[in-house]
């Protein structure tokens, strides 16, 4: 499982330290993260939490719900 998390979109929001978000993602999925790659999702990415897992977009407005979705994907 490979996860792409966009540093550029993260910097727009600055809701939490980048390292903390990456740690949350790794802890909940156990996956390898390809950091700071743009996936051309900057419009919605500036308003929502998102990442791409194996070419599937995971997105949510609430951070806790986003993490729950990641955990669900990681458990599969």
PDB file of N, CA and C in Angstrom:
ATOM      1  N   UNK A   1       0.844  -1.172   0.000  1.00  0.00           N
ATOM      2  CA  UNK A   1       0.000   0.000   0.000  1.00  0.00           C
ATOM      3  C   UNK A   1       0.893   1.240   0.000  1.00  0.00           C
ATOM      4  N   UNK A   2       0.577   2.154  -0.897  1.00  0.00           N
ATOM      5  CA  UNK A   2       1.338   3.395  -0.994  1.00  0.00           C
ATOM      6  C   UNK A   2       0.391   4.579  -0.807  1.00  0.00           C
ATOM      7  N   UNK A   3       0.813   5.533   0.000  1.00  0.00           N
ATOM      8  CA  UNK A   3      -0.008   6.710   0.273  1.00  0.00           C
ATOM      9  C   UNK A   3       0.714   7.957  -0.204  1.00  0.00           C
ATOM     10  N   UNK A   4      -0.009   8.786  -0.932  1.00  0.00           N
ATOM     11  CA  UNK A   4       0.525  10.078  -1.359  1.00  0.00           C
ATOM     12  C   UNK A   4      -0.170  11.149  -0.533  1.00  0.00           C
ATOM     13  N   UNK A   5       0.611  11.954   0.154  1.00  0.00           N
ATOM     14  CA  UNK A   5       0.090  13.057   0.962  1.00  0.00           C
ATOM     15  C   UNK A   5       0.764  14.333   0.481  1.00  0.00           C
ATOM     16  N   UNK A   6      -0.019  15.315   0.085  1.00  0.00           N
ATOM     17  CA  UNK A   6       0.504  16.520  -0.558  1.00  0.00           C
ATOM     18  C   UNK A   6       0.937  17.577   0.461  1.00  0.00           C
ATOM     19  N   UNK A   7       2.214  17.858   0.493  1.00  0.00           N
ATOM     20  CA  UNK A   7       2.773  18.866   1.392  1.00  0.00           C
ATOM     21  C   UNK A   7       2.248  20.259   1.033  1.00  0.00           C
ATOM     22  N   UNK A   8       2.068  20.516  -0.248  1.00  0.00           N
ATOM     23  CA  UNK A   8       1.595  21.831  -0.700  1.00  0.00           C
ATOM     24  C   UNK A   8       0.189  22.121  -0.160  1.00  0.00           C
ATOM     25  N   UNK A   9      -0.706  21.166  -0.245  1.00  0.00           N
ATOM     26  CA  UNK A   9      -2.061  21.340   0.289  1.00  0.00           C
ATOM     27  C   UNK A   9      -2.033  21.426   1.815  1.00  0.00           C
ATOM     28  N   UNK A  10      -1.155  20.665   2.435  1.00  0.00           N
ATOM     29  CA  UNK A  10      -1.043  20.718   3.884  1.00  0.00           C
ATOM     30  C   UNK A  10      -0.626  22.114   4.339  1.00  0.00           C
ATOM     31  N   UNK A  11       0.298  22.720   3.634  1.00  0.00           N
ATOM     32  CA  UNK A  11       0.779  24.042   4.013  1.00  0.00           C
ATOM     33  C   UNK A  11      -0.300  25.103   3.877  1.00  0.00           C
ATOM     34  N   UNK A  12      -1.256  24.907   2.983  1.00  0.00           N
ATOM     35  CA  UNK A  12      -2.368  25.847   2.855  1.00  0.00           C
ATOM     36  C   UNK A  12      -3.229  25.847   4.109  1.00  0.00           C
ATOM     37  N   UNK A  13      -3.387  24.688   4.717  1.00  0.00           N
ATOM     38  CA  UNK A  13      -4.295  24.550   5.858  1.00  0.00           C
ATOM     39  C   UNK A  13      -3.602  24.790   7.186  1.00  0.00           C
ATOM     40  N   UNK A  14      -2.435  24.217   7.370  1.00  0.00           N
ATOM     41  CA  UNK A  14      -1.656  24.343   8.606  1.00  0.00           C
ATOM     42  C   UNK A  14      -2.489  24.126   9.871  1.00  0.00           C
ATOM     43  N   UNK A  15      -3.305  23.097   9.859  1.00  0.00           N
ATOM     44  CA  UNK A  15      -4.165  22.780  10.992  1.00  0.00           C
ATOM     45  C   UNK A  15      -3.412  22.011  12.066  1.00  0.00           C
ATOM     46  N   UNK A  16      -2.345  21.359  11.679  1.00  0.00           N
ATOM     47  CA  UNK A  16      -1.566  20.513  12.570  1.00  0.00           C
ATOM     48  C   UNK A  16      -0.177  20.384  11.957  1.00  0.00           C
ATOM     49  N   UNK A  17       0.813  20.133  12.758  1.00  0.00           N
ATOM     50  CA  UNK A  17       2.175  19.997  12.235  1.00  0.00           C
ATOM     51  C   UNK A  17       2.240  18.858  11.211  1.00  0.00           C
ATOM     52  N   UNK A  18       2.956  19.086  10.137  1.00  0.00           N
ATOM     53  CA  UNK A  18       3.083  18.107   9.049  1.00  0.00           C
ATOM     54  C   UNK A  18       3.557  16.765   9.576  1.00  0.00           C
ATOM     55  N   UNK A  19       4.560  16.788  10.457  1.00  0.00           N
ATOM     56  CA  UNK A  19       5.110  15.552  11.005  1.00  0.00           C
ATOM     57  C   UNK A  19       4.056  14.774  11.797  1.00  0.00           C
ATOM     58  N   UNK A  20       3.171  15.492  12.500  1.00  0.00           N
ATOM     59  CA  UNK A  20       2.118  14.832  13.270  1.00  0.00           C
ATOM     60  C   UNK A  20       1.095  14.156  12.359  1.00  0.00           C
ATOM     61  N   UNK A  21       0.762  14.815  11.259  1.00  0.00           N
ATOM     62  CA  UNK A  21      -0.184  14.234  10.306  1.00  0.00           C
ATOM     63  C   UNK A  21       0.411  12.985   9.670  1.00  0.00           C
ATOM     64  N   UNK A  22       1.672  13.070   9.261  1.00  0.00           N
ATOM     65  CA  UNK A  22       2.344  11.912   8.663  1.00  0.00           C
ATOM     66  C   UNK A  22       2.394  10.761   9.666  1.00  0.00           C
ATOM     67  N   UNK A  23       2.665  11.060  10.914  1.00  0.00           N
ATOM     68  CA  UNK A  23       2.697  10.026  11.965  1.00  0.00           C
ATOM     69  C   UNK A  23       1.313   9.389  12.130  1.00  0.00           C
ATOM     70  N   UNK A  24       0.249  10.224  12.159  1.00  0.00           N
ATOM     71  CA  UNK A  24      -1.114   9.695  12.275  1.00  0.00           C
ATOM     72  C   UNK A  24      -1.442   8.774  11.105  1.00  0.00           C
ATOM     73  N   UNK A  25      -1.056   9.172   9.911  1.00  0.00           N
ATOM     74  CA  UNK A  25      -1.331   8.364   8.726  1.00  0.00           C
ATOM     75  C   UNK A  25      -0.584   7.029   8.816  1.00  0.00           C
ATOM     76  N   UNK A  26       0.699   7.073   9.170  1.00  0.00           N
ATOM     77  CA  UNK A  26       1.486   5.842   9.276  1.00  0.00           C
ATOM     78  C   UNK A  26       0.949   4.928  10.360  1.00  0.00           C
ATOM     79  N   UNK A  27       0.583   5.514  11.514  1.00  0.00           N
ATOM     80  CA  UNK A  27       0.077   4.717  12.629  1.00  0.00           C
ATOM     81  C   UNK A  27      -1.237   4.021  12.298  1.00  0.00           C
ATOM     82  N   UNK A  28      -2.075   4.663  11.500  1.00  0.00           N
ATOM     83  CA  UNK A  28      -3.394   4.121  11.215  1.00  0.00           C
ATOM     84  C   UNK A  28      -3.456   3.241   9.980  1.00  0.00           C
ATOM     85  N   UNK A  29      -2.437   3.273   9.160  1.00  0.00           N
ATOM     86  CA  UNK A  29      -2.463   2.447   7.948  1.00  0.00           C
ATOM     87  C   UNK A  29      -1.316   1.454   7.888  1.00  0.00           C
ATOM     88  N   UNK A  30      -0.196   1.772   8.514  1.00  0.00           N
ATOM     89  CA  UNK A  30       0.979   0.927   8.425  1.00  0.00           C
ATOM     90  C   UNK A  30       1.589   0.925   7.036  1.00  0.00           C
ATOM     91  N   UNK A  31       1.294   1.958   6.266  1.00  0.00           N
ATOM     92  CA  UNK A  31       1.723   2.014   4.871  1.00  0.00           C
ATOM     93  C   UNK A  31       2.928   2.916   4.682  1.00  0.00           C
ATOM     94  N   UNK A  32       3.554   2.752   3.548  1.00  0.00           N
ATOM     95  CA  UNK A  32       4.652   3.620   3.149  1.00  0.00           C
ATOM     96  C   UNK A  32       4.064   4.914   2.597  1.00  0.00           C
ATOM     97  N   UNK A  33       4.583   6.049   3.009  1.00  0.00           N
ATOM     98  CA  UNK A  33       4.076   7.341   2.550  1.00  0.00           C
ATOM     99  C   UNK A  33       5.042   7.969   1.565  1.00  0.00           C
ATOM    100  N   UNK A  34       4.502   8.370   0.425  1.00  0.00           N
ATOM    101  CA  UNK A  34       5.268   9.132  -0.550  1.00  0.00           C
ATOM    102  C   UNK A  34       4.913  10.591  -0.257  1.00  0.00           C
ATOM    103  N   UNK A  35       5.817  11.269   0.424  1.00  0.00           N
ATOM    104  CA  UNK A  35       5.511  12.602   0.921  1.00  0.00           C
ATOM    105  C   UNK A  35       5.713  13.673  -0.139  1.00  0.00           C
ATOM    106  N   UNK A  36       4.993  14.741   0.039  1.00  0.00           N
ATOM    107  CA  UNK A  36       5.111  15.975  -0.731  1.00  0.00           C
ATOM    108  C   UNK A  36       5.047  15.797  -2.242  1.00  0.00           C
ATOM    109  N   UNK A  37       4.157  14.933  -2.686  1.00  0.00           N
ATOM    110  CA  UNK A  37       3.865  14.819  -4.107  1.00  0.00           C
ATOM    111  C   UNK A  37       2.529  15.481  -4.365  1.00  0.00           C
ATOM    112  N   UNK A  38       2.468  16.284  -5.394  1.00  0.00           N
ATOM    113  CA  UNK A  38       1.209  16.927  -5.748  1.00  0.00           C
ATOM    114  C   UNK A  38       0.376  15.967  -6.584  1.00  0.00           C
ATOM    115  N   UNK A  39      -0.926  15.944  -6.314  1.00  0.00           N
ATOM    116  CA  UNK A  39      -1.836  15.115  -7.084  1.00  0.00           C
ATOM    117  C   UNK A  39      -2.868  15.978  -7.804  1.00  0.00           C
ATOM    118  N   UNK A  40      -2.559  17.259  -7.971  1.00  0.00           N
ATOM    119  CA  UNK A  40      -3.425  18.210  -8.681  1.00  0.00           C
ATOM    120  C   UNK A  40      -4.835  18.233  -8.097  1.00  0.00           C
ATOM    121  N   UNK A  41      -4.925  18.286  -6.799  1.00  0.00           N
ATOM    122  CA  UNK A  41      -6.195  18.320  -6.087  1.00  0.00           C
ATOM    123  C   UNK A  41      -6.216  19.548  -5.184  1.00  0.00           C
ATOM    124  N   UNK A  42      -5.520  20.604  -5.594  1.00  0.00           N
ATOM    125  CA  UNK A  42      -5.276  21.765  -4.735  1.00  0.00           C
ATOM    126  C   UNK A  42      -6.537  22.542  -4.371  1.00  0.00           C
ATOM    127  N   UNK A  43      -7.515  22.613  -5.248  1.00  0.00           N
ATOM    128  CA  UNK A  43      -8.744  23.335  -4.907  1.00  0.00           C
ATOM    129  C   UNK A  43      -9.438  22.704  -3.718  1.00  0.00           C
ATOM    130  N   UNK A  44      -9.961  21.483  -3.879  1.00  0.00           N
ATOM    131  CA  UNK A  44     -10.595  20.796  -2.752  1.00  0.00           C
ATOM    132  C   UNK A  44      -9.608  20.472  -1.639  1.00  0.00           C
ATOM    133  N   UNK A  45      -8.352  20.259  -1.979  1.00  0.00           N
ATOM    134  CA  UNK A  45      -7.347  19.927  -0.974  1.00  0.00           C
ATOM    135  C   UNK A  45      -7.061  21.063  -0.026  1.00  0.00           C
ATOM    136  N   UNK A  46      -7.359  22.280  -0.436  1.00  0.00           N
ATOM    137  CA  UNK A  46      -7.185  23.426   0.442  1.00  0.00           C
ATOM    138  C   UNK A  46      -8.272  23.527   1.491  1.00  0.00           C
ATOM    139  N   UNK A  47      -9.367  22.786   1.291  1.00  0.00           N
ATOM    140  CA  UNK A  47     -10.508  22.847   2.209  1.00  0.00           C
ATOM    141  C   UNK A  47     -10.769  21.528   2.926  1.00  0.00           C
ATOM    142  N   UNK A  48     -10.233  20.454   2.397  1.00  0.00           N
ATOM    143  CA  UNK A  48     -10.481  19.118   2.949  1.00  0.00           C
ATOM    144  C   UNK A  48      -9.167  18.417   3.273  1.00  0.00           C
ATOM    145  N   UNK A  49      -9.251  17.440   4.137  1.00  0.00           N
ATOM    146  CA  UNK A  49      -8.111  16.573   4.420  1.00  0.00           C
ATOM    147  C   UNK A  49      -8.173  15.468   3.381  1.00  0.00           C
ATOM    148  N   UNK A  50      -7.054  15.192   2.737  1.00  0.00           N
ATOM    149  CA  UNK A  50      -7.083  14.134   1.735  1.00  0.00           C
ATOM    150  C   UNK A  50      -5.706  13.511   1.549  1.00  0.00           C
ATOM    151  N   UNK A  51      -5.732  12.323   1.013  1.00  0.00           N
ATOM    152  CA  UNK A  51      -4.536  11.646   0.536  1.00  0.00           C
ATOM    153  C   UNK A  51      -4.995  10.644  -0.512  1.00  0.00           C
ATOM    154  N   UNK A  52      -4.052  10.066  -1.198  1.00  0.00           N
ATOM    155  CA  UNK A  52      -4.353   9.066  -2.217  1.00  0.00           C
ATOM    156  C   UNK A  52      -3.736   7.752  -1.767  1.00  0.00           C
ATOM    157  N   UNK A  53      -4.569   6.730  -1.682  1.00  0.00           N
ATOM    158  CA  UNK A  53      -4.112   5.398  -1.284  1.00  0.00           C
ATOM    159  C   UNK A  53      -4.308   4.468  -2.475  1.00  0.00           C
ATOM    160  N   UNK A  54      -3.199   3.963  -2.995  1.00  0.00           N
ATOM    161  CA  UNK A  54      -3.255   3.050  -4.144  1.00  0.00           C
ATOM    162  C   UNK A  54      -4.192   3.569  -5.230  1.00  0.00           C
ATOM    163  N   UNK A  55      -3.996   4.806  -5.621  1.00  0.00           N
ATOM    164  CA  UNK A  55      -4.760   5.473  -6.679  1.00  0.00           C
ATOM    165  C   UNK A  55      -6.226   5.711  -6.330  1.00  0.00           C
ATOM    166  N   UNK A  56      -6.600   5.626  -5.063  1.00  0.00           N
ATOM    167  CA  UNK A  56      -7.957   5.948  -4.636  1.00  0.00           C
ATOM    168  C   UNK A  56      -7.898   7.143  -3.700  1.00  0.00           C
ATOM    169  N   UNK A  57      -8.735   8.122  -3.959  1.00  0.00           N
ATOM    170  CA  UNK A  57      -8.764   9.338  -3.165  1.00  0.00           C
ATOM    171  C   UNK A  57      -9.541   9.114  -1.879  1.00  0.00           C
ATOM    172  N   UNK A  58      -8.957   9.510  -0.746  1.00  0.00           N
ATOM    173  CA  UNK A  58      -9.639   9.480   0.545  1.00  0.00           C
ATOM    174  C   UNK A  58      -9.719  10.923   1.005  1.00  0.00           C
ATOM    175  N   UNK A  59     -10.937  11.421   1.217  1.00  0.00           N
ATOM    176  CA  UNK A  59     -11.118  12.832   1.535  1.00  0.00           C
ATOM    177  C   UNK A  59     -12.227  13.004   2.574  1.00  0.00           C
ATOM    178  N   UNK A  60     -12.050  13.980   3.467  1.00  0.00           N
ATOM    179  CA  UNK A  60     -13.070  14.321   4.448  1.00  0.00           C
ATOM    180  C   UNK A  60     -12.794  15.714   4.982  1.00  0.00           C
ATOM    181  N   UNK A  61     -13.836  16.435   5.365  1.00  0.00           N
ATOM    182  CA  UNK A  61     -13.660  17.778   5.913  1.00  0.00           C
ATOM    183  C   UNK A  61     -13.185  17.737   7.360  1.00  0.00           C
ATOM    184  N   UNK A  62     -13.566  16.711   8.093  1.00  0.00           N
ATOM    185  CA  UNK A  62     -13.197  16.582   9.500  1.00  0.00           C
ATOM    186  C   UNK A  62     -11.959  15.693   9.642  1.00  0.00           C
ATOM    187  N   UNK A  63     -10.969  16.160  10.388  1.00  0.00           N
ATOM    188  CA  UNK A  63      -9.710  15.417  10.510  1.00  0.00           C
ATOM    189  C   UNK A  63      -9.911  14.056  11.165  1.00  0.00           C
ATOM    190  N   UNK A  64     -10.716  13.986  12.221  1.00  0.00           N
ATOM    191  CA  UNK A  64     -10.925  12.711  12.910  1.00  0.00           C
ATOM    192  C   UNK A  64     -11.619  11.690  12.001  1.00  0.00           C
ATOM    193  N   UNK A  65     -12.579  12.148  11.208  1.00  0.00           N
ATOM    194  CA  UNK A  65     -13.255  11.257  10.257  1.00  0.00           C
ATOM    195  C   UNK A  65     -12.290  10.804   9.159  1.00  0.00           C
ATOM    196  N   UNK A  66     -11.409  11.713   8.740  1.00  0.00           N
ATOM    197  CA  UNK A  66     -10.391  11.382   7.753  1.00  0.00           C
ATOM    198  C   UNK A  66      -9.497  10.255   8.268  1.00  0.00           C
ATOM    199  N   UNK A  67      -9.055  10.370   9.512  1.00  0.00           N
ATOM    200  CA  UNK A  67      -8.203   9.346  10.122  1.00  0.00           C
ATOM    201  C   UNK A  67      -8.960   8.022  10.237  1.00  0.00           C
ATOM    202  N   UNK A  68     -10.259   8.078  10.570  1.00  0.00           N
ATOM    203  CA  UNK A  68     -11.064   6.852  10.648  1.00  0.00           C
ATOM    204  C   UNK A  68     -11.134   6.159   9.285  1.00  0.00           C
ATOM    205  N   UNK A  69     -11.308   6.956   8.218  1.00  0.00           N
ATOM    206  CA  UNK A  69     -11.334   6.381   6.871  1.00  0.00           C
ATOM    207  C   UNK A  69      -9.994   5.726   6.527  1.00  0.00           C
ATOM    208  N   UNK A  70      -8.904   6.365   6.945  1.00  0.00           N
ATOM    209  CA  UNK A  70      -7.576   5.794   6.684  1.00  0.00           C
ATOM    210  C   UNK A  70      -7.411   4.480   7.429  1.00  0.00           C
ATOM    211  N   UNK A  71      -7.873   4.449   8.674  1.00  0.00           N
ATOM    212  CA  UNK A  71      -7.766   3.216   9.467  1.00  0.00           C
ATOM    213  C   UNK A  71      -8.553   2.095   8.797  1.00  0.00           C
ATOM    214  N   UNK A  72      -9.750   2.420   8.301  1.00  0.00           N
ATOM    215  CA  UNK A  72     -10.579   1.431   7.607  1.00  0.00           C
ATOM    216  C   UNK A  72      -9.849   0.906   6.370  1.00  0.00           C
ATOM    217  N   UNK A  73      -9.258   1.799   5.588  1.00  0.00           N
ATOM    218  CA  UNK A  73      -8.507   1.398   4.383  1.00  0.00           C
ATOM    219  C   UNK A  73      -7.292   0.552   4.761  1.00  0.00           C
ATOM    220  N   UNK A  74      -6.637   0.930   5.869  1.00  0.00           N
ATOM    221  CA  UNK A  74      -5.449   0.195   6.305  1.00  0.00           C
ATOM    222  C   UNK A  74      -5.762  -1.189   6.813  1.00  0.00           C
ATOM    223  N   UNK A  75      -6.977  -1.384   7.336  1.00  0.00           N
ATOM    224  CA  UNK A  75      -7.376  -2.687   7.857  1.00  0.00           C
ATOM    225  C   UNK A  75      -7.721  -3.682   6.769  1.00  0.00           C
ATOM    226  N   UNK A  76      -7.959  -3.202   5.549  1.00  0.00           N
ATOM    227  CA  UNK A  76      -8.343  -4.097   4.451  1.00  0.00           C
ATOM    228  C   UNK A  76      -7.178  -4.935   3.983  1.00  0.00           C
TER     229      UNK A  76
END
